[in-house]
Amino acid sequence: MQEITLTEASKNLAELVEAAMSGEEIVITKDNQPVIKLTPVLPIKRRRRAGSAKGLVTISDDFDEPLEDFKDYM
């Protein structure tokens, strides 16, 4: 965790943002008290949409028929 004063943070904001995006925890202090924590925003997961693959997958008519290679085992 990196602690930095508000004055220093205002001078180096771009570097602090890059550090936070790479996973480093940045805490900005004012009057020796922590006031802000920089953390990256996680990407929003898209909700699954039912039926979105409709028509993309087909199954042959003989899907459940025994395979020629396995006739000896049947």
PDB file of N, CA and C in Angstrom:
ATOM      1  N   MET A   1       0.853  -1.175   0.000  1.00  0.00           N
ATOM      2  CA  MET A   1       0.000   0.000   0.000  1.00  0.00           C
ATOM      3  C   MET A   1       0.897   1.235   0.000  1.00  0.00           C
ATOM      4  N   GLN A   2       0.562   2.163  -0.858  1.00  0.00           N
ATOM      5  CA  GLN A   2       1.329   3.416  -0.958  1.00  0.00           C
ATOM      6  C   GLN A   2       0.482   4.548  -0.404  1.00  0.00           C
ATOM      7  N   GLU A   3       1.031   5.277   0.575  1.00  0.00           N
ATOM      8  CA  GLU A   3       0.353   6.457   1.101  1.00  0.00           C
ATOM      9  C   GLU A   3       1.027   7.691   0.527  1.00  0.00           C
ATOM     10  N   ILE A   4       0.218   8.651   0.127  1.00  0.00           N
ATOM     11  CA  ILE A   4       0.740   9.868  -0.482  1.00  0.00           C
ATOM     12  C   ILE A   4      -0.144  11.040  -0.045  1.00  0.00           C
ATOM     13  N   THR A   5       0.477  12.198   0.125  1.00  0.00           N
ATOM     14  CA  THR A   5      -0.292  13.367   0.555  1.00  0.00           C
ATOM     15  C   THR A   5      -1.117  13.909  -0.610  1.00  0.00           C
ATOM     16  N   LEU A   6      -2.115  14.683  -0.272  1.00  0.00           N
ATOM     17  CA  LEU A   6      -2.993  15.275  -1.281  1.00  0.00           C
ATOM     18  C   LEU A   6      -2.206  16.186  -2.219  1.00  0.00           C
ATOM     19  N   THR A   7      -1.263  16.938  -1.694  1.00  0.00           N
ATOM     20  CA  THR A   7      -0.444  17.829  -2.520  1.00  0.00           C
ATOM     21  C   THR A   7       0.383  17.038  -3.524  1.00  0.00           C
ATOM     22  N   GLU A   8       1.026  15.954  -3.059  1.00  0.00           N
ATOM     23  CA  GLU A   8       1.828  15.109  -3.949  1.00  0.00           C
ATOM     24  C   GLU A   8       0.938  14.414  -4.975  1.00  0.00           C
ATOM     25  N   ALA A   9      -0.252  13.995  -4.541  1.00  0.00           N
ATOM     26  CA  ALA A   9      -1.165  13.297  -5.439  1.00  0.00           C
ATOM     27  C   ALA A   9      -1.627  14.202  -6.574  1.00  0.00           C
ATOM     28  N   SER A  10      -1.868  15.471  -6.277  1.00  0.00           N
ATOM     29  CA  SER A  10      -2.322  16.394  -7.327  1.00  0.00           C
ATOM     30  C   SER A  10      -1.236  16.616  -8.373  1.00  0.00           C
ATOM     31  N   LYS A  11       0.022  16.500  -7.980  1.00  0.00           N
ATOM     32  CA  LYS A  11       1.130  16.672  -8.919  1.00  0.00           C
ATOM     33  C   LYS A  11       1.369  15.416  -9.762  1.00  0.00           C
ATOM     34  N   ASN A  12       1.039  14.246  -9.229  1.00  0.00           N
ATOM     35  CA  ASN A  12       1.372  12.973  -9.875  1.00  0.00           C
ATOM     36  C   ASN A  12       0.138  12.111 -10.137  1.00  0.00           C
ATOM     37  N   LEU A  13      -0.976  12.724 -10.432  1.00  0.00           N
ATOM     38  CA  LEU A  13      -2.219  11.967 -10.573  1.00  0.00           C
ATOM     39  C   LEU A  13      -2.144  10.895 -11.660  1.00  0.00           C
ATOM     40  N   ALA A  14      -1.583  11.224 -12.808  1.00  0.00           N
ATOM     41  CA  ALA A  14      -1.521  10.247 -13.907  1.00  0.00           C
ATOM     42  C   ALA A  14      -0.730   9.013 -13.493  1.00  0.00           C
ATOM     43  N   GLU A  15       0.392   9.192 -12.809  1.00  0.00           N
ATOM     44  CA  GLU A  15       1.198   8.059 -12.362  1.00  0.00           C
ATOM     45  C   GLU A  15       0.457   7.234 -11.312  1.00  0.00           C
ATOM     46  N   LEU A  16      -0.267   7.914 -10.433  1.00  0.00           N
ATOM     47  CA  LEU A  16      -1.019   7.210  -9.390  1.00  0.00           C
ATOM     48  C   LEU A  16      -2.158   6.389  -9.985  1.00  0.00           C
ATOM     49  N   VAL A  17      -2.814   6.940 -10.985  1.00  0.00           N
ATOM     50  CA  VAL A  17      -3.883   6.207 -11.658  1.00  0.00           C
ATOM     51  C   VAL A  17      -3.321   4.960 -12.322  1.00  0.00           C
ATOM     52  N   GLU A  18      -2.196   5.078 -12.989  1.00  0.00           N
ATOM     53  CA  GLU A  18      -1.560   3.914 -13.629  1.00  0.00           C
ATOM     54  C   GLU A  18      -1.189   2.863 -12.590  1.00  0.00           C
ATOM     55  N   ALA A  19      -0.638   3.295 -11.455  1.00  0.00           N
ATOM     56  CA  ALA A  19      -0.264   2.358 -10.394  1.00  0.00           C
ATOM     57  C   ALA A  19      -1.496   1.643  -9.847  1.00  0.00           C
ATOM     58  N   ALA A  20      -2.584   2.378  -9.642  1.00  0.00           N
ATOM     59  CA  ALA A  20      -3.816   1.763  -9.136  1.00  0.00           C
ATOM     60  C   ALA A  20      -4.387   0.775 -10.144  1.00  0.00           C
ATOM     61  N   MET A  21      -4.317   1.115 -11.432  1.00  0.00           N
ATOM     62  CA  MET A  21      -4.837   0.210 -12.458  1.00  0.00           C
ATOM     63  C   MET A  21      -4.015  -1.069 -12.554  1.00  0.00           C
ATOM     64  N   SER A  22      -2.752  -1.018 -12.166  1.00  0.00           N
ATOM     65  CA  SER A  22      -1.926  -2.224 -12.203  1.00  0.00           C
ATOM     66  C   SER A  22      -2.044  -3.031 -10.910  1.00  0.00           C
ATOM     67  N   GLY A  23      -2.921  -2.614 -10.003  1.00  0.00           N
ATOM     68  CA  GLY A  23      -3.201  -3.413  -8.812  1.00  0.00           C
ATOM     69  C   GLY A  23      -2.656  -2.860  -7.512  1.00  0.00           C
ATOM     70  N   GLU A  24      -1.900  -1.788  -7.569  1.00  0.00           N
ATOM     71  CA  GLU A  24      -1.339  -1.216  -6.346  1.00  0.00           C
ATOM     72  C   GLU A  24      -2.417  -0.423  -5.606  1.00  0.00           C
ATOM     73  N   GLU A  25      -2.421  -0.527  -4.285  1.00  0.00           N
ATOM     74  CA  GLU A  25      -3.385   0.215  -3.486  1.00  0.00           C
ATOM     75  C   GLU A  25      -2.772   1.571  -3.149  1.00  0.00           C
ATOM     76  N   ILE A  26      -3.466   2.639  -3.506  1.00  0.00           N
ATOM     77  CA  ILE A  26      -2.986   4.002  -3.277  1.00  0.00           C
ATOM     78  C   ILE A  26      -3.935   4.690  -2.300  1.00  0.00           C
ATOM     79  N   VAL A  27      -3.383   5.204  -1.193  1.00  0.00           N
ATOM     80  CA  VAL A  27      -4.183   5.938  -0.209  1.00  0.00           C
ATOM     81  C   VAL A  27      -3.671   7.371  -0.180  1.00  0.00           C
ATOM     82  N   ILE A  28      -4.580   8.307  -0.352  1.00  0.00           N
ATOM     83  CA  ILE A  28      -4.238   9.735  -0.326  1.00  0.00           C
ATOM     84  C   ILE A  28      -4.620  10.277   1.051  1.00  0.00           C
ATOM     85  N   THR A  29      -3.681  10.995   1.660  1.00  0.00           N
ATOM     86  CA  THR A  29      -3.913  11.510   3.007  1.00  0.00           C
ATOM     87  C   THR A  29      -4.001  13.035   3.002  1.00  0.00           C
ATOM     88  N   LYS A  30      -4.726  13.538   3.987  1.00  0.00           N
ATOM     89  CA  LYS A  30      -4.818  14.986   4.214  1.00  0.00           C
ATOM     90  C   LYS A  30      -4.719  15.191   5.722  1.00  0.00           C
ATOM     91  N   ASP A  31      -3.802  16.036   6.140  1.00  0.00           N
ATOM     92  CA  ASP A  31      -3.535  16.257   7.569  1.00  0.00           C
ATOM     93  C   ASP A  31      -3.229  14.938   8.277  1.00  0.00           C
ATOM     94  N   ASN A  32      -2.436  14.103   7.626  1.00  0.00           N
ATOM     95  CA  ASN A  32      -2.004  12.800   8.147  1.00  0.00           C
ATOM     96  C   ASN A  32      -3.151  11.813   8.388  1.00  0.00           C
ATOM     97  N   GLN A  33      -4.287  12.049   7.778  1.00  0.00           N
ATOM     98  CA  GLN A  33      -5.428  11.142   7.889  1.00  0.00           C
ATOM     99  C   GLN A  33      -5.788  10.621   6.502  1.00  0.00           C
ATOM    100  N   PRO A  34      -6.010   9.309   6.355  1.00  0.00           N
ATOM    101  CA  PRO A  34      -6.414   8.799   5.040  1.00  0.00           C
ATOM    102  C   PRO A  34      -7.802   9.322   4.662  1.00  0.00           C
ATOM    103  N   VAL A  35      -7.920   9.825   3.425  1.00  0.00           N
ATOM    104  CA  VAL A  35      -9.207  10.367   2.979  1.00  0.00           C
ATOM    105  C   VAL A  35      -9.716   9.713   1.692  1.00  0.00           C
ATOM    106  N   ILE A  36      -8.811   9.241   0.847  1.00  0.00           N
ATOM    107  CA  ILE A  36      -9.202   8.659  -0.445  1.00  0.00           C
ATOM    108  C   ILE A  36      -8.373   7.412  -0.704  1.00  0.00           C
ATOM    109  N   LYS A  37      -9.025   6.382  -1.266  1.00  0.00           N
ATOM    110  CA  LYS A  37      -8.301   5.200  -1.717  1.00  0.00           C
ATOM    111  C   LYS A  37      -8.561   5.041  -3.209  1.00  0.00           C
ATOM    112  N   LEU A  38      -7.473   4.960  -3.998  1.00  0.00           N
ATOM    113  CA  LEU A  38      -7.611   4.751  -5.438  1.00  0.00           C
ATOM    114  C   LEU A  38      -7.628   3.251  -5.713  1.00  0.00           C
ATOM    115  N   THR A  39      -8.675   2.804  -6.343  1.00  0.00           N
ATOM    116  CA  THR A  39      -8.780   1.404  -6.758  1.00  0.00           C
ATOM    117  C   THR A  39      -9.373   1.371  -8.161  1.00  0.00           C
ATOM    118  N   PRO A  40      -8.980   0.395  -8.973  1.00  0.00           N
ATOM    119  CA  PRO A  40      -9.547   0.324 -10.325  1.00  0.00           C
ATOM    120  C   PRO A  40     -11.002  -0.139 -10.283  1.00  0.00           C
ATOM    121  N   VAL A  41     -11.777   0.320 -11.232  1.00  0.00           N
ATOM    122  CA  VAL A  41     -13.166  -0.102 -11.373  1.00  0.00           C
ATOM    123  C   VAL A  41     -13.163  -1.393 -12.177  1.00  0.00           C
ATOM    124  N   LEU A  42     -13.797  -2.415 -11.645  1.00  0.00           N
ATOM    125  CA  LEU A  42     -13.852  -3.694 -12.338  1.00  0.00           C
ATOM    126  C   LEU A  42     -14.813  -3.610 -13.513  1.00  0.00           C
ATOM    127  N   PRO A  43     -14.487  -4.300 -14.611  1.00  0.00           N
ATOM    128  CA  PRO A  43     -15.403  -4.272 -15.756  1.00  0.00           C
ATOM    129  C   PRO A  43     -16.753  -4.880 -15.388  1.00  0.00           C
ATOM    130  N   ILE A  44     -17.790  -4.321 -15.966  1.00  0.00           N
ATOM    131  CA  ILE A  44     -19.148  -4.807 -15.708  1.00  0.00           C
ATOM    132  C   ILE A  44     -19.372  -6.082 -16.500  1.00  0.00           C
ATOM    133  N   LYS A  45     -19.820  -7.120 -15.798  1.00  0.00           N
ATOM    134  CA  LYS A  45     -20.116  -8.369 -16.485  1.00  0.00           C
ATOM    135  C   LYS A  45     -21.454  -8.224 -17.202  1.00  0.00           C
ATOM    136  N   ARG A  46     -21.457  -8.628 -18.436  1.00  0.00           N
ATOM    137  CA  ARG A  46     -22.709  -8.578 -19.185  1.00  0.00           C
ATOM    138  C   ARG A  46     -23.569  -9.770 -18.812  1.00  0.00           C
ATOM    139  N   ARG A  47     -24.835  -9.519 -18.686  1.00  0.00           N
ATOM    140  CA  ARG A  47     -25.760 -10.603 -18.363  1.00  0.00           C
ATOM    141  C   ARG A  47     -25.961 -11.473 -19.586  1.00  0.00           C
ATOM    142  N   ARG A  48     -26.117 -12.714 -19.342  1.00  0.00           N
ATOM    143  CA  ARG A  48     -26.348 -13.695 -20.375  1.00  0.00           C
ATOM    144  C   ARG A  48     -27.705 -13.446 -21.013  1.00  0.00           C
ATOM    145  N   ARG A  49     -27.776 -13.545 -22.316  1.00  0.00           N
ATOM    146  CA  ARG A  49     -29.044 -13.353 -23.008  1.00  0.00           C
ATOM    147  C   ARG A  49     -29.497 -14.701 -23.566  1.00  0.00           C
ATOM    148  N   ALA A  50     -30.599 -15.215 -23.051  1.00  0.00           N
ATOM    149  CA  ALA A  50     -31.107 -16.517 -23.477  1.00  0.00           C
ATOM    150  C   ALA A  50     -31.486 -16.467 -24.953  1.00  0.00           C
ATOM    151  N   GLY A  51     -31.089 -17.512 -25.685  1.00  0.00           N
ATOM    152  CA  GLY A  51     -31.449 -17.623 -27.091  1.00  0.00           C
ATOM    153  C   GLY A  51     -30.510 -16.896 -28.031  1.00  0.00           C
ATOM    154  N   SER A  52     -29.408 -16.390 -27.539  1.00  0.00           N
ATOM    155  CA  SER A  52     -28.521 -15.610 -28.395  1.00  0.00           C
ATOM    156  C   SER A  52     -27.795 -16.466 -29.437  1.00  0.00           C
ATOM    157  N   ALA A  53     -27.747 -17.790 -29.254  1.00  0.00           N
ATOM    158  CA  ALA A  53     -27.081 -18.665 -30.218  1.00  0.00           C
ATOM    159  C   ALA A  53     -28.092 -19.430 -31.081  1.00  0.00           C
ATOM    160  N   LYS A  54     -29.329 -19.016 -31.020  1.00  0.00           N
ATOM    161  CA  LYS A  54     -30.370 -19.711 -31.771  1.00  0.00           C
ATOM    162  C   LYS A  54     -30.030 -19.713 -33.266  1.00  0.00           C
ATOM    163  N   GLY A  55     -30.065 -20.922 -33.860  1.00  0.00           N
ATOM    164  CA  GLY A  55     -29.782 -21.076 -35.276  1.00  0.00           C
ATOM    165  C   GLY A  55     -28.310 -21.297 -35.591  1.00  0.00           C
ATOM    166  N   LEU A  56     -27.435 -21.163 -34.602  1.00  0.00           N
ATOM    167  CA  LEU A  56     -26.002 -21.343 -34.838  1.00  0.00           C
ATOM    168  C   LEU A  56     -25.559 -22.792 -34.656  1.00  0.00           C
ATOM    169  N   VAL A  57     -26.326 -23.562 -33.899  1.00  0.00           N
ATOM    170  CA  VAL A  57     -25.968 -24.948 -33.616  1.00  0.00           C
ATOM    171  C   VAL A  57     -27.030 -25.865 -34.220  1.00  0.00           C
ATOM    172  N   THR A  58     -26.554 -26.867 -34.953  1.00  0.00           N
ATOM    173  CA  THR A  58     -27.490 -27.843 -35.510  1.00  0.00           C
ATOM    174  C   THR A  58     -27.049 -29.241 -35.110  1.00  0.00           C
ATOM    175  N   ILE A  59     -28.004 -30.140 -34.996  1.00  0.00           N
ATOM    176  CA  ILE A  59     -27.741 -31.534 -34.664  1.00  0.00           C
ATOM    177  C   ILE A  59     -28.285 -32.377 -35.805  1.00  0.00           C
ATOM    178  N   SER A  60     -27.464 -33.312 -36.260  1.00  0.00           N
ATOM    179  CA  SER A  60     -27.884 -34.146 -37.387  1.00  0.00           C
ATOM    180  C   SER A  60     -29.017 -35.087 -36.965  1.00  0.00           C
ATOM    181  N   ASP A  61     -29.795 -35.544 -37.953  1.00  0.00           N
ATOM    182  CA  ASP A  61     -30.937 -36.409 -37.673  1.00  0.00           C
ATOM    183  C   ASP A  61     -30.522 -37.741 -37.052  1.00  0.00           C
ATOM    184  N   ASP A  62     -29.333 -38.230 -37.380  1.00  0.00           N
ATOM    185  CA  ASP A  62     -28.894 -39.517 -36.846  1.00  0.00           C
ATOM    186  C   ASP A  62     -27.960 -39.346 -35.640  1.00  0.00           C
ATOM    187  N   PHE A  63     -28.126 -38.297 -34.894  1.00  0.00           N
ATOM    188  CA  PHE A  63     -27.266 -37.993 -33.761  1.00  0.00           C
ATOM    189  C   PHE A  63     -27.193 -39.133 -32.750  1.00  0.00           C
ATOM    190  N   ASP A  64     -28.319 -39.733 -32.424  1.00  0.00           N
ATOM    191  CA  ASP A  64     -28.334 -40.768 -31.396  1.00  0.00           C
ATOM    192  C   ASP A  64     -28.288 -42.197 -31.948  1.00  0.00           C
ATOM    193  N   GLU A  65     -27.986 -42.341 -33.210  1.00  0.00           N
ATOM    194  CA  GLU A  65     -27.828 -43.671 -33.805  1.00  0.00           C
ATOM    195  C   GLU A  65     -26.471 -44.242 -33.411  1.00  0.00           C
ATOM    196  N   PRO A  66     -26.367 -45.576 -33.260  1.00  0.00           N
ATOM    197  CA  PRO A  66     -25.065 -46.180 -32.931  1.00  0.00           C
ATOM    198  C   PRO A  66     -24.049 -45.922 -34.045  1.00  0.00           C
ATOM    199  N   LEU A  67     -22.813 -45.730 -33.664  1.00  0.00           N
ATOM    200  CA  LEU A  67     -21.740 -45.490 -34.613  1.00  0.00           C
ATOM    201  C   LEU A  67     -21.276 -46.812 -35.225  1.00  0.00           C
ATOM    202  N   GLU A  68     -20.844 -46.768 -36.474  1.00  0.00           N
ATOM    203  CA  GLU A  68     -20.368 -47.952 -37.167  1.00  0.00           C
ATOM    204  C   GLU A  68     -19.200 -48.592 -36.399  1.00  0.00           C
ATOM    205  N   ASP A  69     -18.327 -47.816 -35.860  1.00  0.00           N
ATOM    206  CA  ASP A  69     -17.143 -48.329 -35.175  1.00  0.00           C
ATOM    207  C   ASP A  69     -17.481 -49.144 -33.922  1.00  0.00           C
ATOM    208  N   PHE A  70     -18.658 -48.944 -33.371  1.00  0.00           N
ATOM    209  CA  PHE A  70     -19.012 -49.619 -32.117  1.00  0.00           C
ATOM    210  C   PHE A  70     -20.043 -50.735 -32.302  1.00  0.00           C
ATOM    211  N   LYS A  71     -20.343 -51.124 -33.532  1.00  0.00           N
ATOM    212  CA  LYS A  71     -21.321 -52.189 -33.773  1.00  0.00           C
ATOM    213  C   LYS A  71     -20.913 -53.492 -33.105  1.00  0.00           C
ATOM    214  N   ASP A  72     -19.624 -53.781 -33.050  1.00  0.00           N
ATOM    215  CA  ASP A  72     -19.156 -55.028 -32.433  1.00  0.00           C
ATOM    216  C   ASP A  72     -19.424 -55.055 -30.931  1.00  0.00           C
ATOM    217  N   TYR A  73     -19.577 -53.947 -30.306  1.00  0.00           N
ATOM    218  CA  TYR A  73     -19.782 -53.885 -28.864  1.00  0.00           C
ATOM    219  C   TYR A  73     -21.249 -53.836 -28.484  1.00  0.00           C
ATOM    220  N   MET A  74     -22.137 -53.765 -29.420  1.00  0.00           N
ATOM    221  CA  MET A  74     -23.569 -53.630 -29.140  1.00  0.00           C
ATOM    222  C   MET A  74     -24.216 -54.988 -29.069  1.00  0.00           C
TER     223      MET A  74
END
